[in-house]
Amino acid sequence: MQKTTKINPLSTLMRQPKLRVKLPSKGKFWPVTAIDISETNEYPVFSMTAKDEIALKNPVALANGQALVNIVQSCIPAIKDAWAIPSIDLDALLVAVRIATYGNILKSPVTVNNILFSVDVDLTEILDQLYNDISWQEELIINDNLKIYVKPLSYKILAKAGLEALETQKIMNVVNDDNMTEDKKLELFKNSFNKLSQYTLTTVAESISKIELGDEVVDNAFFIKEFIEQCDRELFNTIKNKIDTESSANSVKPVRIAATEEIKKISKEDEIEVTVEFTPTNFFL
């Protein structure tokens, strides 16, 4: 019987790191068990395997976020729980995996004067932008006695939001069915509205890391959620606006690239603005 060796002789043919990615958060907002923190804030990134690419063809895994979680953990071994990725790091990690697998050029659609074109976007520029521009300001001062600290949402919450949006869209489609009675439509609409309201409250509560009330620090998730559900609308809106402002400020900005000769003839501009969307279905496939 042939003995197996401790080291696979084919290991040199297996994946090797293609690049190293820096986290815009610099490791902040990560649970301690979700990642092996690097002192240099650099993490090796491998290309996707055939198994990873197959996962992208699974509509259920794509919809619930599991496919992306599996790919990130496969390609960036330092990440142990990709569900916990803070939103401000997610795009950088996806870009890094895309570069490691397919190279730094992404074909991206852009519409100019109602005409659709395909242009080349250099993803290394987007990666640099993400690392240099993202800066989450977590402190919200309500008054001398009250400070609220907000954090980016985890990918788990973002994925759940996507599912909630799909569910809401399905209900809206059903409500528009002329064959359904008005009573049934009203019932479905109320249920959908209640779910959306509850999810909004939960999302805001999940975005709070701690609250300083005088000399006391409250970081108990149950207490924070109860506070969010019971505070007055003015305070709630102040907190939600802070979260929305930080999320918007730390999202990927459109990039400006040189216009092709074909586009120049139409736009009369030397540069055009391109928005790149980071979803598994259009970013990796």
C-alpha atoms as a PDB file:
ATOM      1  CA  MET A   1       0.000   0.000   0.000  1.00  0.00           C
ATOM      2  CA  GLN A   2       1.322   3.410  -0.956  1.00  0.00           C
ATOM      3  CA  LYS A   3       1.875   5.641   2.035  1.00  0.00           C
ATOM      4  CA  THR A   4       0.597   9.180   1.986  1.00  0.00           C
ATOM      5  CA  THR A   5       3.109  11.904   2.719  1.00  0.00           C
ATOM      6  CA  LYS A   6       2.503  14.647   5.263  1.00  0.00           C
ATOM      7  CA  ILE A   7       3.033  17.316   2.614  1.00  0.00           C
ATOM      8  CA  ASN A   8       1.087  17.039  -0.624  1.00  0.00           C
ATOM      9  CA  PRO A   9       3.640  17.035  -3.486  1.00  0.00           C
ATOM     10  CA  LEU A  10       1.050  18.943  -5.531  1.00  0.00           C
ATOM     11  CA  SER A  11       0.930  21.807  -3.049  1.00  0.00           C
ATOM     12  CA  THR A  12       3.169  23.975  -5.233  1.00  0.00           C
ATOM     13  CA  LEU A  13       0.465  23.823  -7.916  1.00  0.00           C
ATOM     14  CA  MET A  14      -2.243  25.041  -5.563  1.00  0.00           C
ATOM     15  CA  ARG A  15      -3.381  28.620  -5.055  1.00  0.00           C
ATOM     16  CA  GLN A  16      -0.917  31.210  -3.854  1.00  0.00           C
ATOM     17  CA  PRO A  17      -1.711  34.745  -2.664  1.00  0.00           C
ATOM     18  CA  LYS A  18      -2.073  37.143  -5.598  1.00  0.00           C
ATOM     19  CA  LEU A  19      -2.111  40.384  -3.595  1.00  0.00           C
ATOM     20  CA  ARG A  20      -2.571  41.823  -0.131  1.00  0.00           C
ATOM     21  CA  VAL A  21      -5.530  43.961   0.826  1.00  0.00           C
ATOM     22  CA  LYS A  22      -5.795  46.598   3.535  1.00  0.00           C
ATOM     23  CA  LEU A  23      -8.976  47.018   5.541  1.00  0.00           C
ATOM     24  CA  PRO A  24     -10.402  50.564   5.419  1.00  0.00           C
ATOM     25  CA  SER A  25     -11.575  50.007   9.010  1.00  0.00           C
ATOM     26  CA  LYS A  26      -8.026  48.981  10.010  1.00  0.00           C
ATOM     27  CA  GLY A  27      -9.627  46.118  11.906  1.00  0.00           C
ATOM     28  CA  LYS A  28     -11.996  48.253  13.967  1.00  0.00           C
ATOM     29  CA  PHE A  29     -15.620  47.118  14.357  1.00  0.00           C
ATOM     30  CA  TRP A  30     -14.660  43.456  13.830  1.00  0.00           C
ATOM     31  CA  PRO A  31     -15.579  40.880  16.497  1.00  0.00           C
ATOM     32  CA  VAL A  32     -12.347  39.374  17.862  1.00  0.00           C
ATOM     33  CA  THR A  33     -13.267  35.870  16.671  1.00  0.00           C
ATOM     34  CA  ALA A  34     -14.183  36.933  13.118  1.00  0.00           C
ATOM     35  CA  ILE A  35     -10.680  37.696  11.837  1.00  0.00           C
ATOM     36  CA  ASP A  36      -7.023  37.047  12.586  1.00  0.00           C
ATOM     37  CA  ILE A  37      -5.950  40.674  12.915  1.00  0.00           C
ATOM     38  CA  SER A  38      -2.738  41.597  11.102  1.00  0.00           C
ATOM     39  CA  GLU A  39      -0.379  44.061  12.770  1.00  0.00           C
ATOM     40  CA  THR A  40       0.398  45.528   9.334  1.00  0.00           C
ATOM     41  CA  ASN A  41      -3.292  45.637   8.308  1.00  0.00           C
ATOM     42  CA  GLU A  42      -2.414  43.609   5.205  1.00  0.00           C
ATOM     43  CA  TYR A  43      -4.208  40.373   4.384  1.00  0.00           C
ATOM     44  CA  PRO A  44      -3.256  37.806   1.696  1.00  0.00           C
ATOM     45  CA  VAL A  45      -5.871  37.352  -1.012  1.00  0.00           C
ATOM     46  CA  PHE A  46      -6.170  34.180  -3.105  1.00  0.00           C
ATOM     47  CA  SER A  47      -8.071  33.739  -6.362  1.00  0.00           C
ATOM     48  CA  MET A  48     -11.404  31.946  -6.402  1.00  0.00           C
ATOM     49  CA  THR A  49     -11.489  28.194  -6.945  1.00  0.00           C
ATOM     50  CA  ALA A  50     -13.776  26.357  -9.365  1.00  0.00           C
ATOM     51  CA  LYS A  51     -15.923  25.478  -6.342  1.00  0.00           C
ATOM     52  CA  ASP A  52     -16.236  29.185  -5.490  1.00  0.00           C
ATOM     53  CA  GLU A  53     -17.360  30.039  -9.024  1.00  0.00           C
ATOM     54  CA  ILE A  54     -19.944  27.253  -8.973  1.00  0.00           C
ATOM     55  CA  ALA A  55     -21.351  28.715  -5.750  1.00  0.00           C
ATOM     56  CA  LEU A  56     -22.076  31.946  -7.631  1.00  0.00           C
ATOM     57  CA  LYS A  57     -24.489  30.028  -9.835  1.00  0.00           C
ATOM     58  CA  ASN A  58     -26.599  28.969  -6.856  1.00  0.00           C
ATOM     59  CA  PRO A  59     -29.512  31.459  -6.747  1.00  0.00           C
ATOM     60  CA  VAL A  60     -30.468  30.585  -3.178  1.00  0.00           C
ATOM     61  CA  ALA A  61     -26.919  31.039  -1.859  1.00  0.00           C
ATOM     62  CA  LEU A  62     -26.647  34.299  -3.787  1.00  0.00           C
ATOM     63  CA  ALA A  63     -29.915  35.635  -2.412  1.00  0.00           C
ATOM     64  CA  ASN A  64     -29.226  34.845   1.249  1.00  0.00           C
ATOM     65  CA  GLY A  65     -25.570  35.893   1.155  1.00  0.00           C
ATOM     66  CA  GLN A  66     -24.046  32.478   1.842  1.00  0.00           C
ATOM     67  CA  ALA A  67     -22.237  32.360  -1.507  1.00  0.00           C
ATOM     68  CA  LEU A  68     -20.387  35.597  -0.805  1.00  0.00           C
ATOM     69  CA  VAL A  69     -19.518  34.455   2.728  1.00  0.00           C
ATOM     70  CA  ASN A  70     -18.029  31.205   1.409  1.00  0.00           C
ATOM     71  CA  ILE A  71     -16.021  33.006  -1.283  1.00  0.00           C
ATOM     72  CA  VAL A  72     -14.539  35.608   1.064  1.00  0.00           C
ATOM     73  CA  GLN A  73     -13.528  32.976   3.619  1.00  0.00           C
ATOM     74  CA  SER A  74     -12.037  30.832   0.853  1.00  0.00           C
ATOM     75  CA  CYS A  75     -10.044  33.656  -0.745  1.00  0.00           C
ATOM     76  CA  ILE A  76      -9.032  35.554   2.413  1.00  0.00           C
ATOM     77  CA  PRO A  77      -8.186  32.848   4.998  1.00  0.00           C
ATOM     78  CA  ALA A  78      -7.605  35.380   7.788  1.00  0.00           C
ATOM     79  CA  ILE A  79     -11.362  36.028   7.779  1.00  0.00           C
ATOM     80  CA  LYS A  80     -13.042  33.356   9.875  1.00  0.00           C
ATOM     81  CA  ASP A  81     -16.585  34.735   9.867  1.00  0.00           C
ATOM     82  CA  ALA A  82     -17.452  36.775   6.787  1.00  0.00           C
ATOM     83  CA  TRP A  83     -20.966  37.422   8.098  1.00  0.00           C
ATOM     84  CA  ALA A  84     -19.325  39.816  10.565  1.00  0.00           C
ATOM     85  CA  ILE A  85     -17.577  41.961   7.920  1.00  0.00           C
ATOM     86  CA  PRO A  86     -18.284  45.654   8.638  1.00  0.00           C
ATOM     87  CA  SER A  87     -19.948  47.338   5.689  1.00  0.00           C
ATOM     88  CA  ILE A  88     -17.049  49.781   5.227  1.00  0.00           C
ATOM     89  CA  ASP A  89     -14.678  46.850   4.542  1.00  0.00           C
ATOM     90  CA  LEU A  90     -16.959  44.787   2.334  1.00  0.00           C
ATOM     91  CA  ASP A  91     -16.394  46.556  -0.998  1.00  0.00           C
ATOM     92  CA  ALA A  92     -12.604  46.567  -0.587  1.00  0.00           C
ATOM     93  CA  LEU A  93     -12.601  42.832   0.090  1.00  0.00           C
ATOM     94  CA  LEU A  94     -14.815  42.110  -2.929  1.00  0.00           C
ATOM     95  CA  VAL A  95     -12.597  44.230  -5.178  1.00  0.00           C
ATOM     96  CA  ALA A  96      -9.492  42.418  -3.904  1.00  0.00           C
ATOM     97  CA  VAL A  97     -11.005  38.987  -4.601  1.00  0.00           C
ATOM     98  CA  ARG A  98     -12.091  40.160  -8.065  1.00  0.00           C
ATOM     99  CA  ILE A  99      -8.565  41.399  -8.863  1.00  0.00           C
ATOM    100  CA  ALA A 100      -6.958  38.204  -7.548  1.00  0.00           C
ATOM    101  CA  THR A 101      -9.251  36.071  -9.726  1.00  0.00           C
ATOM    102  CA  TYR A 102      -9.723  38.003 -12.970  1.00  0.00           C
ATOM    103  CA  GLY A 103      -7.191  40.831 -12.924  1.00  0.00           C
ATOM    104  CA  ASN A 104      -7.534  44.534 -12.240  1.00  0.00           C
ATOM    105  CA  ILE A 105      -9.630  45.509 -15.294  1.00  0.00           C
ATOM    106  CA  LEU A 106     -13.423  45.285 -15.035  1.00  0.00           C
ATOM    107  CA  LYS A 107     -15.741  45.723 -17.995  1.00  0.00           C
ATOM    108  CA  SER A 108     -18.468  48.027 -16.730  1.00  0.00           C
ATOM    109  CA  PRO A 109     -21.602  49.285 -18.485  1.00  0.00           C
ATOM    110  CA  VAL A 110     -22.121  53.035 -18.775  1.00  0.00           C
ATOM    111  CA  THR A 111     -24.892  54.990 -20.460  1.00  0.00           C
ATOM    112  CA  VAL A 112     -24.033  58.178 -22.353  1.00  0.00           C
ATOM    113  CA  ASN A 113     -26.839  60.151 -23.989  1.00  0.00           C
ATOM    114  CA  ASN A 114     -29.125  57.089 -23.663  1.00  0.00           C
ATOM    115  CA  ILE A 115     -26.610  54.866 -25.467  1.00  0.00           C
ATOM    116  CA  LEU A 116     -25.109  51.898 -23.617  1.00  0.00           C
ATOM    117  CA  PHE A 117     -21.329  51.391 -23.763  1.00  0.00           C
ATOM    118  CA  SER A 118     -18.866  49.025 -22.121  1.00  0.00           C
ATOM    119  CA  VAL A 119     -15.755  50.615 -20.616  1.00  0.00           C
ATOM    120  CA  ASP A 120     -12.657  49.384 -18.782  1.00  0.00           C
ATOM    121  CA  VAL A 121     -12.414  50.318 -15.096  1.00  0.00           C
ATOM    122  CA  ASP A 122      -9.125  49.856 -13.231  1.00  0.00           C
ATOM    123  CA  LEU A 123     -10.110  48.278  -9.919  1.00  0.00           C
ATOM    124  CA  THR A 124      -6.800  49.154  -8.260  1.00  0.00           C
ATOM    125  CA  GLU A 125      -7.872  52.804  -8.382  1.00  0.00           C
ATOM    126  CA  ILE A 126     -11.135  51.936  -6.632  1.00  0.00           C
ATOM    127  CA  LEU A 127      -9.220  49.936  -4.034  1.00  0.00           C
ATOM    128  CA  ASP A 128      -6.965  52.933  -3.345  1.00  0.00           C
ATOM    129  CA  GLN A 129     -10.009  55.213  -3.124  1.00  0.00           C
ATOM    130  CA  LEU A 130     -11.700  52.934  -0.611  1.00  0.00           C
ATOM    131  CA  TYR A 131      -8.657  52.736   1.619  1.00  0.00           C
ATOM    132  CA  ASN A 132      -7.858  56.447   1.510  1.00  0.00           C
ATOM    133  CA  ASP A 133     -11.355  57.968   1.631  1.00  0.00           C
ATOM    134  CA  ILE A 134     -13.245  55.847   4.144  1.00  0.00           C
ATOM    135  CA  SER A 135     -13.372  57.291   7.650  1.00  0.00           C
ATOM    136  CA  TRP A 136     -16.247  56.325   9.937  1.00  0.00           C
ATOM    137  CA  GLN A 137     -17.006  58.971  12.576  1.00  0.00           C
ATOM    138  CA  GLU A 138     -18.741  56.983  15.286  1.00  0.00           C
ATOM    139  CA  GLU A 139     -19.454  59.594  17.959  1.00  0.00           C
ATOM    140  CA  LEU A 140     -22.827  61.338  18.065  1.00  0.00           C
ATOM    141  CA  ILE A 141     -23.117  63.967  20.809  1.00  0.00           C
ATOM    142  CA  ILE A 142     -26.737  64.544  21.779  1.00  0.00           C
ATOM    143  CA  ASN A 143     -25.998  66.753  24.790  1.00  0.00           C
ATOM    144  CA  ASP A 144     -23.461  67.095  27.615  1.00  0.00           C
ATOM    145  CA  ASN A 145     -24.889  64.008  29.286  1.00  0.00           C
ATOM    146  CA  LEU A 146     -25.579  61.748  26.307  1.00  0.00           C
ATOM    147  CA  LYS A 147     -23.231  60.371  23.645  1.00  0.00           C
ATOM    148  CA  ILE A 148     -24.174  57.625  21.205  1.00  0.00           C
ATOM    149  CA  TYR A 149     -21.584  55.612  19.292  1.00  0.00           C
ATOM    150  CA  VAL A 150     -22.652  54.193  15.938  1.00  0.00           C
ATOM    151  CA  LYS A 151     -20.904  51.491  13.931  1.00  0.00           C
ATOM    152  CA  PRO A 152     -21.131  50.121  10.376  1.00  0.00           C
ATOM    153  CA  LEU A 153     -23.615  47.324   9.856  1.00  0.00           C
ATOM    154  CA  SER A 154     -22.277  43.805   9.478  1.00  0.00           C
ATOM    155  CA  TYR A 155     -22.686  41.895   6.230  1.00  0.00           C
ATOM    156  CA  LYS A 156     -25.168  39.613   8.002  1.00  0.00           C
ATOM    157  CA  ILE A 157     -27.508  42.566   8.580  1.00  0.00           C
ATOM    158  CA  LEU A 158     -26.965  43.862   5.032  1.00  0.00           C
ATOM    159  CA  ALA A 159     -27.793  40.455   3.558  1.00  0.00           C
ATOM    160  CA  LYS A 160     -30.945  40.273   5.655  1.00  0.00           C
ATOM    161  CA  ALA A 161     -31.901  43.734   4.385  1.00  0.00           C
ATOM    162  CA  GLY A 162     -31.578  42.462   0.839  1.00  0.00           C
ATOM    163  CA  LEU A 163     -33.909  39.561   1.585  1.00  0.00           C
ATOM    164  CA  GLU A 164     -36.382  41.921   3.240  1.00  0.00           C
ATOM    165  CA  ALA A 165     -36.341  44.129   0.139  1.00  0.00           C
ATOM    166  CA  LEU A 166     -37.026  41.130  -2.106  1.00  0.00           C
ATOM    167  CA  GLU A 167     -39.877  40.011   0.134  1.00  0.00           C
ATOM    168  CA  THR A 168     -41.378  43.507   0.125  1.00  0.00           C
ATOM    169  CA  GLN A 169     -41.164  43.656  -3.671  1.00  0.00           C
ATOM    170  CA  LYS A 170     -42.945  40.306  -3.948  1.00  0.00           C
ATOM    171  CA  ILE A 171     -45.741  41.554  -1.699  1.00  0.00           C
ATOM    172  CA  MET A 172     -46.076  44.753  -3.727  1.00  0.00           C
ATOM    173  CA  ASN A 173     -46.366  42.684  -6.900  1.00  0.00           C
ATOM    174  CA  VAL A 174     -49.087  40.579  -5.307  1.00  0.00           C
ATOM    175  CA  VAL A 175     -50.924  43.660  -4.024  1.00  0.00           C
ATOM    176  CA  ASN A 176     -51.090  44.967  -7.584  1.00  0.00           C
ATOM    177  CA  ASP A 177     -52.905  41.808  -8.675  1.00  0.00           C
ATOM    178  CA  ASP A 178     -56.379  42.819  -9.863  1.00  0.00           C
ATOM    179  CA  ASN A 179     -57.745  39.371  -8.982  1.00  0.00           C
ATOM    180  CA  MET A 180     -57.100  39.891  -5.256  1.00  0.00           C
ATOM    181  CA  THR A 181     -59.750  41.354  -2.987  1.00  0.00           C
ATOM    182  CA  GLU A 182     -59.151  44.775  -1.445  1.00  0.00           C
ATOM    183  CA  ASP A 183     -59.327  43.290   2.066  1.00  0.00           C
ATOM    184  CA  LYS A 184     -56.583  40.806   1.254  1.00  0.00           C
ATOM    185  CA  LYS A 185     -54.444  43.526  -0.323  1.00  0.00           C
ATOM    186  CA  LEU A 186     -54.831  45.679   2.787  1.00  0.00           C
ATOM    187  CA  GLU A 187     -53.880  42.783   5.042  1.00  0.00           C
ATOM    188  CA  LEU A 188     -50.723  42.032   3.041  1.00  0.00           C
ATOM    189  CA  PHE A 189     -49.788  45.701   2.931  1.00  0.00           C
ATOM    190  CA  LYS A 190     -50.178  46.071   6.702  1.00  0.00           C
ATOM    191  CA  ASN A 191     -48.064  42.979   7.355  1.00  0.00           C
ATOM    192  CA  SER A 192     -45.369  44.231   5.011  1.00  0.00           C
ATOM    193  CA  PHE A 193     -45.377  47.686   6.600  1.00  0.00           C
ATOM    194  CA  ASN A 194     -45.118  46.225  10.112  1.00  0.00           C
ATOM    195  CA  LYS A 195     -42.181  44.031   9.088  1.00  0.00           C
ATOM    196  CA  LEU A 196     -40.429  46.980   7.470  1.00  0.00           C
ATOM    197  CA  SER A 197     -40.975  49.177  10.540  1.00  0.00           C
ATOM    198  CA  GLN A 198     -39.638  46.512  12.886  1.00  0.00           C
ATOM    199  CA  TYR A 199     -36.647  45.905  10.658  1.00  0.00           C
ATOM    200  CA  THR A 200     -35.828  49.622  10.608  1.00  0.00           C
ATOM    201  CA  LEU A 201     -35.823  49.696  14.412  1.00  0.00           C
ATOM    202  CA  THR A 202     -33.661  46.572  14.586  1.00  0.00           C
ATOM    203  CA  THR A 203     -31.182  47.963  12.049  1.00  0.00           C
ATOM    204  CA  VAL A 204     -30.735  51.206  13.994  1.00  0.00           C
ATOM    205  CA  ALA A 205     -30.270  49.282  17.242  1.00  0.00           C
ATOM    206  CA  GLU A 206     -27.699  47.001  15.579  1.00  0.00           C
ATOM    207  CA  SER A 207     -25.792  50.089  14.428  1.00  0.00           C
ATOM    208  CA  ILE A 208     -25.160  51.295  17.997  1.00  0.00           C
ATOM    209  CA  SER A 209     -22.083  49.942  19.746  1.00  0.00           C
ATOM    210  CA  LYS A 210     -22.545  51.770  23.040  1.00  0.00           C
ATOM    211  CA  ILE A 211     -24.248  54.695  24.720  1.00  0.00           C
ATOM    212  CA  GLU A 212     -22.612  56.945  27.302  1.00  0.00           C
ATOM    213  CA  LEU A 213     -25.113  58.349  29.781  1.00  0.00           C
ATOM    214  CA  GLY A 214     -23.185  60.542  32.166  1.00  0.00           C
ATOM    215  CA  ASP A 215     -20.525  58.308  33.719  1.00  0.00           C
ATOM    216  CA  GLU A 216     -22.344  55.104  32.784  1.00  0.00           C
ATOM    217  CA  VAL A 217     -21.585  53.144  29.609  1.00  0.00           C
ATOM    218  CA  VAL A 218     -24.346  50.948  28.196  1.00  0.00           C
ATOM    219  CA  ASP A 219     -23.325  48.334  25.635  1.00  0.00           C
ATOM    220  CA  ASN A 220     -25.942  45.680  26.375  1.00  0.00           C
ATOM    221  CA  ALA A 221     -27.694  44.895  23.077  1.00  0.00           C
ATOM    222  CA  PHE A 222     -31.037  44.215  24.759  1.00  0.00           C
ATOM    223  CA  PHE A 223     -31.002  47.544  26.616  1.00  0.00           C
ATOM    224  CA  ILE A 224     -30.005  49.415  23.474  1.00  0.00           C
ATOM    225  CA  LYS A 225     -32.784  47.834  21.409  1.00  0.00           C
ATOM    226  CA  GLU A 226     -35.353  48.626  24.108  1.00  0.00           C
ATOM    227  CA  PHE A 227     -34.117  52.236  24.170  1.00  0.00           C
ATOM    228  CA  ILE A 228     -34.459  52.548  20.381  1.00  0.00           C
ATOM    229  CA  GLU A 229     -37.984  51.153  20.471  1.00  0.00           C
ATOM    230  CA  GLN A 230     -39.060  53.538  23.243  1.00  0.00           C
ATOM    231  CA  CYS A 231     -37.205  56.811  22.555  1.00  0.00           C
ATOM    232  CA  ASP A 232     -39.050  59.797  21.059  1.00  0.00           C
ATOM    233  CA  ARG A 233     -39.150  60.255  17.295  1.00  0.00           C
ATOM    234  CA  GLU A 234     -36.860  63.308  17.289  1.00  0.00           C
ATOM    235  CA  LEU A 235     -34.037  61.433  19.026  1.00  0.00           C
ATOM    236  CA  PHE A 236     -34.616  58.348  16.880  1.00  0.00           C
ATOM    237  CA  ASN A 237     -34.432  60.396  13.674  1.00  0.00           C
ATOM    238  CA  THR A 238     -31.245  62.108  14.878  1.00  0.00           C
ATOM    239  CA  ILE A 239     -29.602  58.722  15.419  1.00  0.00           C
ATOM    240  CA  LYS A 240     -30.868  57.305  12.112  1.00  0.00           C
ATOM    241  CA  ASN A 241     -29.709  60.386  10.190  1.00  0.00           C
ATOM    242  CA  LYS A 242     -26.237  60.004  11.706  1.00  0.00           C
ATOM    243  CA  ILE A 243     -26.097  56.365  10.615  1.00  0.00           C
ATOM    244  CA  ASP A 244     -27.364  57.195   7.113  1.00  0.00           C
ATOM    245  CA  THR A 245     -24.878  60.071   6.778  1.00  0.00           C
ATOM    246  CA  GLU A 246     -21.901  57.898   7.735  1.00  0.00           C
ATOM    247  CA  SER A 247     -23.056  55.068   5.472  1.00  0.00           C
ATOM    248  CA  SER A 248     -23.418  57.412   2.508  1.00  0.00           C
ATOM    249  CA  ALA A 249     -20.096  59.176   3.150  1.00  0.00           C
ATOM    250  CA  ASN A 250     -18.280  55.843   3.295  1.00  0.00           C
ATOM    251  CA  SER A 251     -19.783  54.225   0.210  1.00  0.00           C
ATOM    252  CA  VAL A 252     -18.004  53.744  -3.106  1.00  0.00           C
ATOM    253  CA  LYS A 253     -17.968  56.908  -5.169  1.00  0.00           C
ATOM    254  CA  PRO A 254     -18.287  56.954  -8.964  1.00  0.00           C
ATOM    255  CA  VAL A 255     -14.916  56.941 -10.738  1.00  0.00           C
ATOM    256  CA  ARG A 256     -13.882  59.188 -13.583  1.00  0.00           C
ATOM    257  CA  ILE A 257     -12.117  57.510 -16.486  1.00  0.00           C
ATOM    258  CA  ALA A 258     -10.863  58.632 -19.869  1.00  0.00           C
ATOM    259  CA  ALA A 259     -13.593  58.530 -22.498  1.00  0.00           C
ATOM    260  CA  THR A 260     -13.064  56.313 -25.512  1.00  0.00           C
ATOM    261  CA  GLU A 261     -12.996  57.945 -28.934  1.00  0.00           C
ATOM    262  CA  GLU A 262     -16.455  56.540 -29.609  1.00  0.00           C
ATOM    263  CA  ILE A 263     -17.850  58.060 -26.418  1.00  0.00           C
ATOM    264  CA  LYS A 264     -16.075  61.385 -27.019  1.00  0.00           C
ATOM    265  CA  LYS A 265     -17.990  61.801 -30.272  1.00  0.00           C
ATOM    266  CA  ILE A 266     -21.243  61.682 -28.332  1.00  0.00           C
ATOM    267  CA  SER A 267     -20.411  63.244 -24.974  1.00  0.00           C
ATOM    268  CA  LYS A 268     -17.920  65.863 -26.219  1.00  0.00           C
ATOM    269  CA  GLU A 269     -16.067  65.195 -22.957  1.00  0.00           C
ATOM    270  CA  ASP A 270     -12.593  63.779 -22.327  1.00  0.00           C
ATOM    271  CA  GLU A 271     -13.730  61.961 -19.173  1.00  0.00           C
ATOM    272  CA  ILE A 272     -16.874  60.161 -18.086  1.00  0.00           C
ATOM    273  CA  GLU A 273     -18.218  59.106 -14.701  1.00  0.00           C
ATOM    274  CA  VAL A 274     -18.757  55.405 -14.060  1.00  0.00           C
ATOM    275  CA  THR A 275     -20.609  53.809 -11.156  1.00  0.00           C
ATOM    276  CA  VAL A 276     -19.508  50.272 -10.290  1.00  0.00           C
ATOM    277  CA  GLU A 277     -21.975  48.076  -8.416  1.00  0.00           C
ATOM    278  CA  PHE A 278     -20.548  45.496  -6.037  1.00  0.00           C
ATOM    279  CA  THR A 279     -23.023  42.618  -6.102  1.00  0.00           C
ATOM    280  CA  PRO A 280     -21.945  38.997  -6.700  1.00  0.00           C
ATOM    281  CA  THR A 281     -24.219  38.610  -9.720  1.00  0.00           C
ATOM    282  CA  ASN A 282     -22.786  41.514 -11.730  1.00  0.00           C
ATOM    283  CA  PHE A 283     -19.337  41.892 -10.182  1.00  0.00           C
ATOM    284  CA  PHE A 284     -17.960  38.363 -10.461  1.00  0.00           C
ATOM    285  CA  LEU A 285     -19.890  36.820 -13.339  1.00  0.00           C
END
